[in-house]
Amino acid sequence: MSYNSKELDNKVAVVTGGATGIGLASARLLIERGAKVAILGNDQDALDVALSELKLLSESTIAILCDVSSEDSVENAFSIFDRSFDRLSILVSNAAIQPFGTVEDTPNALWNEIQGVNLTGSYLTARASIKRMKKSGSGSIINVTSVQGSATQKRVAAYSTSKGGLLALTRATAVDHAEDNIRCNSVSPGCIDAPMTRFSASKNTTPENERNLMEQWGRMQPLGRMGTAPEVAEVIVFLASDRASFCTGADFKVDGGLMASLGVKLPD
C-alpha cells in the first residue's frame, strides 16, 4: 500500500499522556497526517501548553483533563470527547509513570498507583474506545509499552510488571476484537530522549550529570544513541494507518537494536 501524506483524513484519535514526550509527538504527527486529535493528560498546565502548539496545526484539536486510572474520570473524559467528535478511529494509550523500587521496598500504595496508571488506565481507555470504534465500524489501538515489558533493569519491579501486563492486554484485545475490525498492537520504546528518561536519570545521578547518564544509556543501544519521540511516533502512526491493516496482536520494538543484542561483548 502506497504512502499518502494525508492518510488519516477523516480519522479521529485520542492520545493519552498527550501533553509531552511520545504522546505529544504522536499527536503532532497524527494531525500532520490528517487526523483530528483529542489529547488526554492529568496536568492542566502541560495540557494548555501542548494544546496551544497543536492548535497551530489544527483548530479542531481538544485537550481533556483526565486521570486514566479512574473509571469515573475516563468516562467523563470520553463524554467530553463525544461533544466534539462523532466517531473514534484511533487510540494511542501512552500515559505512564515510572517510580523506582524493588518488590521488597515498593509500598503497596505506590505499586497500585503504577498498575493503575500504566495498566488499568490502558484497559479503561480501551474499553471506552472500543465501544465507540464499534459504532465507527473499525479502529486501531496502539499501546505504548516498553522494552522493560520483555526484559528489565534493576529497581523497576512495578513498572516492568505493568508493561508486561500491557503486552498481554494488547494480545487479548487483538484476539477478542478482530471480528469487530478493531486492531490492537503495542510499541516498545527503548532509551528515548523524552521526559520519562530524564526523570529516570534524575533519580540515578546528580543534576549536572543527568545528560551524561542519558547519553551513556543511549550508547548501550547497538545504534549507539538514544531514540527520539518523533521516531517512536512514526511507528505509532504507521500502526494507526491502513498501511498496517494486517497487523494486530504484535509488539513493535523501537529500541535501536537493544533487545536484539546480547550483553556479552567479545574482546577487541
C-alpha atoms as a PDB file:
ATOM      1  CA  MET A   1       0.000   0.000   0.000  1.00  0.00           C
ATOM      2  CA  SER A   2       1.462   3.350  -1.021  1.00  0.00           C
ATOM      3  CA  TYR A   3       2.090   6.153   1.459  1.00  0.00           C
ATOM      4  CA  ASN A   4      -0.231   9.175   1.490  1.00  0.00           C
ATOM      5  CA  SER A   5       0.810  12.264   3.458  1.00  0.00           C
ATOM      6  CA  LYS A   6      -2.863  12.749   4.449  1.00  0.00           C
ATOM      7  CA  GLU A   7      -3.580   9.068   5.002  1.00  0.00           C
ATOM      8  CA  LEU A   8      -5.519   9.756   8.199  1.00  0.00           C
ATOM      9  CA  ASP A   9      -8.070  12.148   6.737  1.00  0.00           C
ATOM     10  CA  ASN A  10     -11.491  11.529   8.329  1.00  0.00           C
ATOM     11  CA  LYS A  11      -9.865   9.711  11.266  1.00  0.00           C
ATOM     12  CA  VAL A  12     -10.277  10.847  14.874  1.00  0.00           C
ATOM     13  CA  ALA A  13      -7.731   9.939  17.562  1.00  0.00           C
ATOM     14  CA  VAL A  14      -7.417  10.007  21.339  1.00  0.00           C
ATOM     15  CA  VAL A  15      -3.879  10.194  22.748  1.00  0.00           C
ATOM     16  CA  THR A  16      -3.415   9.636  26.477  1.00  0.00           C
ATOM     17  CA  GLY A  17      -0.384  11.215  28.073  1.00  0.00           C
ATOM     18  CA  GLY A  18      -0.620  13.524  25.080  1.00  0.00           C
ATOM     19  CA  ALA A  19       0.877  16.672  26.557  1.00  0.00           C
ATOM     20  CA  THR A  20       4.557  15.693  26.492  1.00  0.00           C
ATOM     21  CA  GLY A  21       7.123  13.319  25.036  1.00  0.00           C
ATOM     22  CA  ILE A  22       5.980  10.429  22.860  1.00  0.00           C
ATOM     23  CA  GLY A  23       2.323  11.330  23.353  1.00  0.00           C
ATOM     24  CA  LEU A  24       2.775  14.896  22.122  1.00  0.00           C
ATOM     25  CA  ALA A  25       4.960  13.770  19.200  1.00  0.00           C
ATOM     26  CA  SER A  26       2.275  11.241  18.242  1.00  0.00           C
ATOM     27  CA  ALA A  27      -0.498  13.822  18.450  1.00  0.00           C
ATOM     28  CA  ARG A  28       1.522  16.195  16.290  1.00  0.00           C
ATOM     29  CA  LEU A  29       2.176  13.572  13.613  1.00  0.00           C
ATOM     30  CA  LEU A  30      -1.411  12.292  13.642  1.00  0.00           C
ATOM     31  CA  ILE A  31      -2.593  15.832  12.920  1.00  0.00           C
ATOM     32  CA  GLU A  32       0.015  16.310  10.197  1.00  0.00           C
ATOM     33  CA  ARG A  33      -1.263  13.109   8.539  1.00  0.00           C
ATOM     34  CA  GLY A  34      -4.841  14.417   8.560  1.00  0.00           C
ATOM     35  CA  ALA A  35      -6.415  13.133  11.787  1.00  0.00           C
ATOM     36  CA  LYS A  36      -8.406  15.118  14.311  1.00  0.00           C
ATOM     37  CA  VAL A  37      -6.997  14.640  17.803  1.00  0.00           C
ATOM     38  CA  ALA A  38      -8.003  14.828  21.451  1.00  0.00           C
ATOM     39  CA  ILE A  39      -5.135  14.716  23.947  1.00  0.00           C
ATOM     40  CA  LEU A  40      -5.716  13.499  27.498  1.00  0.00           C
ATOM     41  CA  GLY A  41      -3.477  14.270  30.456  1.00  0.00           C
ATOM     42  CA  ASN A  42      -3.508  14.842  34.209  1.00  0.00           C
ATOM     43  CA  ASP A  43      -1.589  18.154  34.263  1.00  0.00           C
ATOM     44  CA  GLN A  44      -3.702  21.114  33.185  1.00  0.00           C
ATOM     45  CA  ASP A  45      -0.739  23.445  32.674  1.00  0.00           C
ATOM     46  CA  ALA A  46       1.046  20.928  30.425  1.00  0.00           C
ATOM     47  CA  LEU A  47      -2.190  20.318  28.501  1.00  0.00           C
ATOM     48  CA  ASP A  48      -2.624  24.055  27.932  1.00  0.00           C
ATOM     49  CA  VAL A  49       0.909  24.405  26.556  1.00  0.00           C
ATOM     50  CA  ALA A  50       0.530  21.383  24.286  1.00  0.00           C
ATOM     51  CA  LEU A  51      -2.888  22.485  23.068  1.00  0.00           C
ATOM     52  CA  SER A  52      -1.611  25.925  22.105  1.00  0.00           C
ATOM     53  CA  GLU A  53       1.033  24.243  19.934  1.00  0.00           C
ATOM     54  CA  LEU A  54      -1.283  21.655  18.371  1.00  0.00           C
ATOM     55  CA  LYS A  55      -3.976  24.196  17.554  1.00  0.00           C
ATOM     56  CA  LEU A  56      -1.470  25.854  15.221  1.00  0.00           C
ATOM     57  CA  LEU A  57      -1.687  22.625  13.206  1.00  0.00           C
ATOM     58  CA  SER A  58      -5.428  22.044  13.588  1.00  0.00           C
ATOM     59  CA  GLU A  59      -8.097  24.172  15.237  1.00  0.00           C
ATOM     60  CA  SER A  60     -10.173  21.033  15.849  1.00  0.00           C
ATOM     61  CA  THR A  61      -7.703  19.728  18.461  1.00  0.00           C
ATOM     62  CA  ILE A  62      -9.004  19.487  22.025  1.00  0.00           C
ATOM     63  CA  ALA A  63      -7.389  18.728  25.393  1.00  0.00           C
ATOM     64  CA  ILE A  64      -9.155  16.951  28.260  1.00  0.00           C
ATOM     65  CA  LEU A  65      -8.008  16.677  31.852  1.00  0.00           C
ATOM     66  CA  CYS A  66      -8.156  13.004  32.817  1.00  0.00           C
ATOM     67  CA  ASP A  67      -6.789  10.575  35.394  1.00  0.00           C
ATOM     68  CA  VAL A  68      -6.691   7.389  33.317  1.00  0.00           C
ATOM     69  CA  SER A  69      -6.537   5.223  36.447  1.00  0.00           C
ATOM     70  CA  SER A  70     -10.021   6.400  37.470  1.00  0.00           C
ATOM     71  CA  GLU A  71     -13.069   4.842  35.810  1.00  0.00           C
ATOM     72  CA  ASP A  72     -15.178   7.921  36.519  1.00  0.00           C
ATOM     73  CA  SER A  73     -12.518  10.269  35.132  1.00  0.00           C
ATOM     74  CA  VAL A  74     -12.139   8.212  31.934  1.00  0.00           C
ATOM     75  CA  GLU A  75     -15.900   8.040  31.398  1.00  0.00           C
ATOM     76  CA  ASN A  76     -16.163  11.792  31.927  1.00  0.00           C
ATOM     77  CA  ALA A  77     -13.283  12.461  29.512  1.00  0.00           C
ATOM     78  CA  PHE A  78     -14.877  10.391  26.768  1.00  0.00           C
ATOM     79  CA  SER A  79     -18.219  12.119  27.342  1.00  0.00           C
ATOM     80  CA  ILE A  80     -16.435  15.429  26.753  1.00  0.00           C
ATOM     81  CA  PHE A  81     -14.809  13.889  23.655  1.00  0.00           C
ATOM     82  CA  ASP A  82     -18.266  12.963  22.314  1.00  0.00           C
ATOM     83  CA  ARG A  83     -19.348  16.597  22.389  1.00  0.00           C
ATOM     84  CA  SER A  84     -16.648  17.488  19.849  1.00  0.00           C
ATOM     85  CA  PHE A  85     -16.433  14.363  17.668  1.00  0.00           C
ATOM     86  CA  ASP A  86     -18.967  11.941  16.252  1.00  0.00           C
ATOM     87  CA  ARG A  87     -16.624   8.973  15.901  1.00  0.00           C
ATOM     88  CA  LEU A  88     -13.366   7.468  17.163  1.00  0.00           C
ATOM     89  CA  SER A  89     -10.854   5.723  14.920  1.00  0.00           C
ATOM     90  CA  ILE A  90      -7.563   5.588  16.864  1.00  0.00           C
ATOM     91  CA  LEU A  91      -6.470   5.243  20.482  1.00  0.00           C
ATOM     92  CA  VAL A  92      -2.838   5.835  21.435  1.00  0.00           C
ATOM     93  CA  SER A  93      -2.590   4.601  25.015  1.00  0.00           C
ATOM     94  CA  ASN A  94       0.583   6.279  26.194  1.00  0.00           C
ATOM     95  CA  ALA A  95       0.023   7.576  29.754  1.00  0.00           C
ATOM     96  CA  ALA A  96       2.537   6.076  32.178  1.00  0.00           C
ATOM     97  CA  ILE A  97       4.603   6.703  35.308  1.00  0.00           C
ATOM     98  CA  GLN A  98       7.920   5.119  36.338  1.00  0.00           C
ATOM     99  CA  PRO A  99       8.782   5.343  40.035  1.00  0.00           C
ATOM    100  CA  PHE A 100      11.679   3.150  41.094  1.00  0.00           C
ATOM    101  CA  GLY A 101      11.610   0.276  43.569  1.00  0.00           C
ATOM    102  CA  THR A 102      12.098  -3.443  44.137  1.00  0.00           C
ATOM    103  CA  VAL A 103       9.354  -5.848  45.238  1.00  0.00           C
ATOM    104  CA  GLU A 104      10.712  -5.501  48.775  1.00  0.00           C
ATOM    105  CA  ASP A 105      10.763  -1.719  49.050  1.00  0.00           C
ATOM    106  CA  THR A 106       7.837  -0.640  46.842  1.00  0.00           C
ATOM    107  CA  PRO A 107       4.946   0.383  49.111  1.00  0.00           C
ATOM    108  CA  ASN A 108       1.608  -1.226  48.324  1.00  0.00           C
ATOM    109  CA  ALA A 109       0.019   2.134  47.544  1.00  0.00           C
ATOM    110  CA  LEU A 110       2.758   3.002  45.050  1.00  0.00           C
ATOM    111  CA  TRP A 111       2.508  -0.463  43.429  1.00  0.00           C
ATOM    112  CA  ASN A 112      -1.221   0.055  42.960  1.00  0.00           C
ATOM    113  CA  GLU A 113      -0.712   3.565  41.590  1.00  0.00           C
ATOM    114  CA  ILE A 114       1.741   2.331  38.938  1.00  0.00           C
ATOM    115  CA  GLN A 115      -0.533  -0.525  37.879  1.00  0.00           C
ATOM    116  CA  GLY A 116      -3.477   1.879  37.918  1.00  0.00           C
ATOM    117  CA  VAL A 117      -1.943   4.368  35.507  1.00  0.00           C
ATOM    118  CA  ASN A 118       0.122   2.058  33.294  1.00  0.00           C
ATOM    119  CA  LEU A 119      -2.156  -0.978  33.009  1.00  0.00           C
ATOM    120  CA  THR A 120      -5.646  -0.242  34.330  1.00  0.00           C
ATOM    121  CA  GLY A 121      -5.525   3.097  32.500  1.00  0.00           C
ATOM    122  CA  SER A 122      -4.968   1.305  29.210  1.00  0.00           C
ATOM    123  CA  TYR A 123      -7.808  -1.115  29.972  1.00  0.00           C
ATOM    124  CA  LEU A 124     -10.243   1.696  30.870  1.00  0.00           C
ATOM    125  CA  THR A 125      -9.428   3.835  27.839  1.00  0.00           C
ATOM    126  CA  ALA A 126      -9.525   0.799  25.541  1.00  0.00           C
ATOM    127  CA  ARG A 127     -12.932  -0.165  26.894  1.00  0.00           C
ATOM    128  CA  ALA A 128     -14.291   3.328  26.291  1.00  0.00           C
ATOM    129  CA  SER A 129     -12.681   3.449  22.839  1.00  0.00           C
ATOM    130  CA  ILE A 130     -13.859   0.022  21.662  1.00  0.00           C
ATOM    131  CA  LYS A 131     -17.460   0.989  22.388  1.00  0.00           C
ATOM    132  CA  ARG A 132     -17.076   3.966  20.045  1.00  0.00           C
ATOM    133  CA  MET A 133     -14.948   2.158  17.447  1.00  0.00           C
ATOM    134  CA  LYS A 134     -17.658  -0.457  17.047  1.00  0.00           C
ATOM    135  CA  LYS A 135     -20.064   2.304  16.059  1.00  0.00           C
ATOM    136  CA  SER A 136     -17.474   3.582  13.559  1.00  0.00           C
ATOM    137  CA  GLY A 137     -17.043   0.098  12.102  1.00  0.00           C
ATOM    138  CA  SER A 138     -13.300  -0.134  12.689  1.00  0.00           C
ATOM    139  CA  GLY A 139     -10.445   1.087  14.839  1.00  0.00           C
ATOM    140  CA  SER A 140      -6.792   0.853  15.780  1.00  0.00           C
ATOM    141  CA  ILE A 141      -5.462   0.773  19.334  1.00  0.00           C
ATOM    142  CA  ILE A 142      -1.758   1.318  19.931  1.00  0.00           C
ATOM    143  CA  ASN A 143      -0.477   0.626  23.443  1.00  0.00           C
ATOM    144  CA  VAL A 144       2.834   2.267  24.278  1.00  0.00           C
ATOM    145  CA  THR A 145       4.616  -0.254  26.463  1.00  0.00           C
ATOM    146  CA  SER A 146       8.394  -0.606  26.902  1.00  0.00           C
ATOM    147  CA  VAL A 147      11.299  -2.945  26.310  1.00  0.00           C
ATOM    148  CA  GLN A 148      11.027  -3.406  30.078  1.00  0.00           C
ATOM    149  CA  GLY A 149       7.845  -5.357  29.478  1.00  0.00           C
ATOM    150  CA  SER A 150      10.047  -8.043  27.904  1.00  0.00           C
ATOM    151  CA  ALA A 151      13.237  -7.606  29.972  1.00  0.00           C
ATOM    152  CA  THR A 152      14.108  -5.433  32.920  1.00  0.00           C
ATOM    153  CA  GLN A 153      16.715  -3.321  34.615  1.00  0.00           C
ATOM    154  CA  LYS A 154      17.073  -3.186  38.398  1.00  0.00           C
ATOM    155  CA  ARG A 155      14.615  -1.386  40.685  1.00  0.00           C
ATOM    156  CA  VAL A 156      11.628  -1.148  38.347  1.00  0.00           C
ATOM    157  CA  ALA A 157       9.591  -4.135  39.588  1.00  0.00           C
ATOM    158  CA  ALA A 158       6.207  -2.423  39.443  1.00  0.00           C
ATOM    159  CA  TYR A 159       6.889  -0.619  36.174  1.00  0.00           C
ATOM    160  CA  SER A 160       8.155  -3.689  34.314  1.00  0.00           C
ATOM    161  CA  THR A 161       5.228  -5.711  35.655  1.00  0.00           C
ATOM    162  CA  SER A 162       2.757  -3.134  34.369  1.00  0.00           C
ATOM    163  CA  LYS A 163       4.385  -3.092  30.940  1.00  0.00           C
ATOM    164  CA  GLY A 164       4.480  -6.888  30.739  1.00  0.00           C
ATOM    165  CA  GLY A 165       0.793  -6.885  31.573  1.00  0.00           C
ATOM    166  CA  LEU A 166       0.186  -4.342  28.842  1.00  0.00           C
ATOM    167  CA  LEU A 167       1.773  -6.671  26.291  1.00  0.00           C
ATOM    168  CA  ALA A 168      -0.690  -9.376  27.393  1.00  0.00           C
ATOM    169  CA  LEU A 169      -3.594  -6.913  27.267  1.00  0.00           C
ATOM    170  CA  THR A 170      -2.578  -5.999  23.716  1.00  0.00           C
ATOM    171  CA  ARG A 171      -2.763  -9.622  22.606  1.00  0.00           C
ATOM    172  CA  ALA A 172      -6.083 -10.219  24.360  1.00  0.00           C
ATOM    173  CA  THR A 173      -7.659  -7.103  22.881  1.00  0.00           C
ATOM    174  CA  ALA A 174      -6.451  -8.021  19.398  1.00  0.00           C
ATOM    175  CA  VAL A 175      -7.917 -11.516  19.593  1.00  0.00           C
ATOM    176  CA  ASP A 176     -11.193 -10.502  21.222  1.00  0.00           C
ATOM    177  CA  HIS A 177     -11.961  -7.644  18.841  1.00  0.00           C
ATOM    178  CA  ALA A 178     -10.614  -8.760  15.472  1.00  0.00           C
ATOM    179  CA  GLU A 179     -14.175  -9.641  14.473  1.00  0.00           C
ATOM    180  CA  ASP A 180     -15.128  -6.036  15.218  1.00  0.00           C
ATOM    181  CA  ASN A 181     -12.493  -4.863  12.714  1.00  0.00           C
ATOM    182  CA  ILE A 182     -10.519  -3.352  15.581  1.00  0.00           C
ATOM    183  CA  ARG A 183      -6.766  -3.901  15.551  1.00  0.00           C
ATOM    184  CA  CYS A 184      -4.572  -3.654  18.643  1.00  0.00           C
ATOM    185  CA  ASN A 185      -0.771  -3.510  18.655  1.00  0.00           C
ATOM    186  CA  SER A 186       1.912  -2.284  21.007  1.00  0.00           C
ATOM    187  CA  VAL A 187       5.076  -0.257  20.590  1.00  0.00           C
ATOM    188  CA  SER A 188       8.009  -0.912  22.940  1.00  0.00           C
ATOM    189  CA  PRO A 189      10.423   2.023  23.065  1.00  0.00           C
ATOM    190  CA  GLY A 190      13.951   1.612  24.343  1.00  0.00           C
ATOM    191  CA  CYS A 191      16.022   4.535  25.612  1.00  0.00           C
ATOM    192  CA  ILE A 192      14.220   7.598  24.257  1.00  0.00           C
ATOM    193  CA  ASP A 193      15.167  11.242  24.795  1.00  0.00           C
ATOM    194  CA  ALA A 194      11.863  12.100  26.470  1.00  0.00           C
ATOM    195  CA  PRO A 195      10.589  13.230  29.894  1.00  0.00           C
ATOM    196  CA  MET A 196      10.388   9.712  31.384  1.00  0.00           C
ATOM    197  CA  THR A 197      14.051   9.015  30.572  1.00  0.00           C
ATOM    198  CA  ARG A 198      15.015  12.390  32.005  1.00  0.00           C
ATOM    199  CA  PHE A 199      13.081  11.517  35.168  1.00  0.00           C
ATOM    200  CA  SER A 200      14.916   8.202  35.388  1.00  0.00           C
ATOM    201  CA  ALA A 201      18.258   9.960  35.009  1.00  0.00           C
ATOM    202  CA  SER A 202      17.326  12.459  37.723  1.00  0.00           C
ATOM    203  CA  LYS A 203      16.728   9.592  40.141  1.00  0.00           C
ATOM    204  CA  ASN A 204      20.061   7.949  39.413  1.00  0.00           C
ATOM    205  CA  THR A 205      22.639  10.751  39.353  1.00  0.00           C
ATOM    206  CA  THR A 206      23.282  14.382  40.254  1.00  0.00           C
ATOM    207  CA  PRO A 207      21.590  17.159  38.233  1.00  0.00           C
ATOM    208  CA  GLU A 208      24.821  18.167  36.487  1.00  0.00           C
ATOM    209  CA  ASN A 209      25.398  14.591  35.304  1.00  0.00           C
ATOM    210  CA  GLU A 210      21.873  13.764  34.090  1.00  0.00           C
ATOM    211  CA  ARG A 211      22.597  14.431  30.427  1.00  0.00           C
ATOM    212  CA  ASN A 212      25.829  12.424  30.529  1.00  0.00           C
ATOM    213  CA  LEU A 213      23.972   9.477  32.075  1.00  0.00           C
ATOM    214  CA  MET A 214      21.267   9.600  29.396  1.00  0.00           C
ATOM    215  CA  GLU A 215      23.883   9.658  26.647  1.00  0.00           C
ATOM    216  CA  GLN A 216      25.661   6.731  28.330  1.00  0.00           C
ATOM    217  CA  TRP A 217      22.390   4.780  28.259  1.00  0.00           C
ATOM    218  CA  GLY A 218      22.000   5.689  24.607  1.00  0.00           C
ATOM    219  CA  ARG A 219      25.427   4.295  23.765  1.00  0.00           C
ATOM    220  CA  MET A 220      24.281   0.916  25.101  1.00  0.00           C
ATOM    221  CA  GLN A 221      21.973   0.567  22.086  1.00  0.00           C
ATOM    222  CA  PRO A 222      23.615  -1.096  19.047  1.00  0.00           C
ATOM    223  CA  LEU A 223      22.801   2.061  17.072  1.00  0.00           C
ATOM    224  CA  GLY A 224      24.826   3.957  19.670  1.00  0.00           C
ATOM    225  CA  ARG A 225      22.386   6.683  20.651  1.00  0.00           C
ATOM    226  CA  MET A 226      19.074   7.468  22.285  1.00  0.00           C
ATOM    227  CA  GLY A 227      15.971   7.427  20.148  1.00  0.00           C
ATOM    228  CA  THR A 228      13.662  10.411  19.805  1.00  0.00           C
ATOM    229  CA  ALA A 229       9.954  10.819  20.454  1.00  0.00           C
ATOM    230  CA  PRO A 230       9.226  11.580  16.760  1.00  0.00           C
ATOM    231  CA  GLU A 231      10.922   8.303  15.782  1.00  0.00           C
ATOM    232  CA  VAL A 232       8.554   6.380  18.061  1.00  0.00           C
ATOM    233  CA  ALA A 233       5.618   8.430  16.782  1.00  0.00           C
ATOM    234  CA  GLU A 234       6.365   7.315  13.220  1.00  0.00           C
ATOM    235  CA  VAL A 235       5.785   3.688  14.205  1.00  0.00           C
ATOM    236  CA  ILE A 236       2.667   4.556  16.199  1.00  0.00           C
ATOM    237  CA  VAL A 237       1.139   6.450  13.292  1.00  0.00           C
ATOM    238  CA  PHE A 238       2.016   3.658  10.878  1.00  0.00           C
ATOM    239  CA  LEU A 239       0.089   1.236  13.105  1.00  0.00           C
ATOM    240  CA  ALA A 240      -2.813   3.670  13.224  1.00  0.00           C
ATOM    241  CA  SER A 241      -2.982   3.787   9.436  1.00  0.00           C
ATOM    242  CA  ASP A 242      -4.433   1.429   6.869  1.00  0.00           C
ATOM    243  CA  ARG A 243      -0.865   0.581   5.811  1.00  0.00           C
ATOM    244  CA  ALA A 244      -0.833  -1.652   8.895  1.00  0.00           C
ATOM    245  CA  SER A 245      -4.180  -3.252   8.036  1.00  0.00           C
ATOM    246  CA  PHE A 246      -2.895  -6.832   8.565  1.00  0.00           C
ATOM    247  CA  CYS A 247      -1.026  -6.055  11.796  1.00  0.00           C
ATOM    248  CA  THR A 248      -2.717  -6.944  15.069  1.00  0.00           C
ATOM    249  CA  GLY A 249      -1.648  -8.515  18.342  1.00  0.00           C
ATOM    250  CA  ALA A 250       2.000  -7.658  17.686  1.00  0.00           C
ATOM    251  CA  ASP A 251       4.677  -5.725  19.537  1.00  0.00           C
ATOM    252  CA  PHE A 252       6.961  -3.383  17.588  1.00  0.00           C
ATOM    253  CA  LYS A 253      10.246  -2.543  19.285  1.00  0.00           C
ATOM    254  CA  VAL A 254      11.709   0.921  18.716  1.00  0.00           C
ATOM    255  CA  ASP A 255      14.892   0.389  20.683  1.00  0.00           C
ATOM    256  CA  GLY A 256      17.931   0.905  18.481  1.00  0.00           C
ATOM    257  CA  GLY A 257      18.526  -2.847  18.444  1.00  0.00           C
ATOM    258  CA  LEU A 258      18.740  -3.168  22.245  1.00  0.00           C
ATOM    259  CA  MET A 259      16.593  -6.300  22.557  1.00  0.00           C
ATOM    260  CA  ALA A 260      18.365  -7.956  19.622  1.00  0.00           C
ATOM    261  CA  SER A 261      21.754  -7.697  21.311  1.00  0.00           C
ATOM    262  CA  LEU A 262      23.374  -9.920  23.938  1.00  0.00           C
ATOM    263  CA  GLY A 263      25.060  -8.130  26.802  1.00  0.00           C
ATOM    264  CA  VAL A 264      28.249 -10.131  26.409  1.00  0.00           C
ATOM    265  CA  LYS A 265      30.963  -8.338  24.432  1.00  0.00           C
ATOM    266  CA  LEU A 266      33.906 -10.001  22.772  1.00  0.00           C
ATOM    267  CA  PRO A 267      37.370  -8.558  23.485  1.00  0.00           C
ATOM    268  CA  ASP A 268      38.729  -6.105  20.935  1.00  0.00           C
END
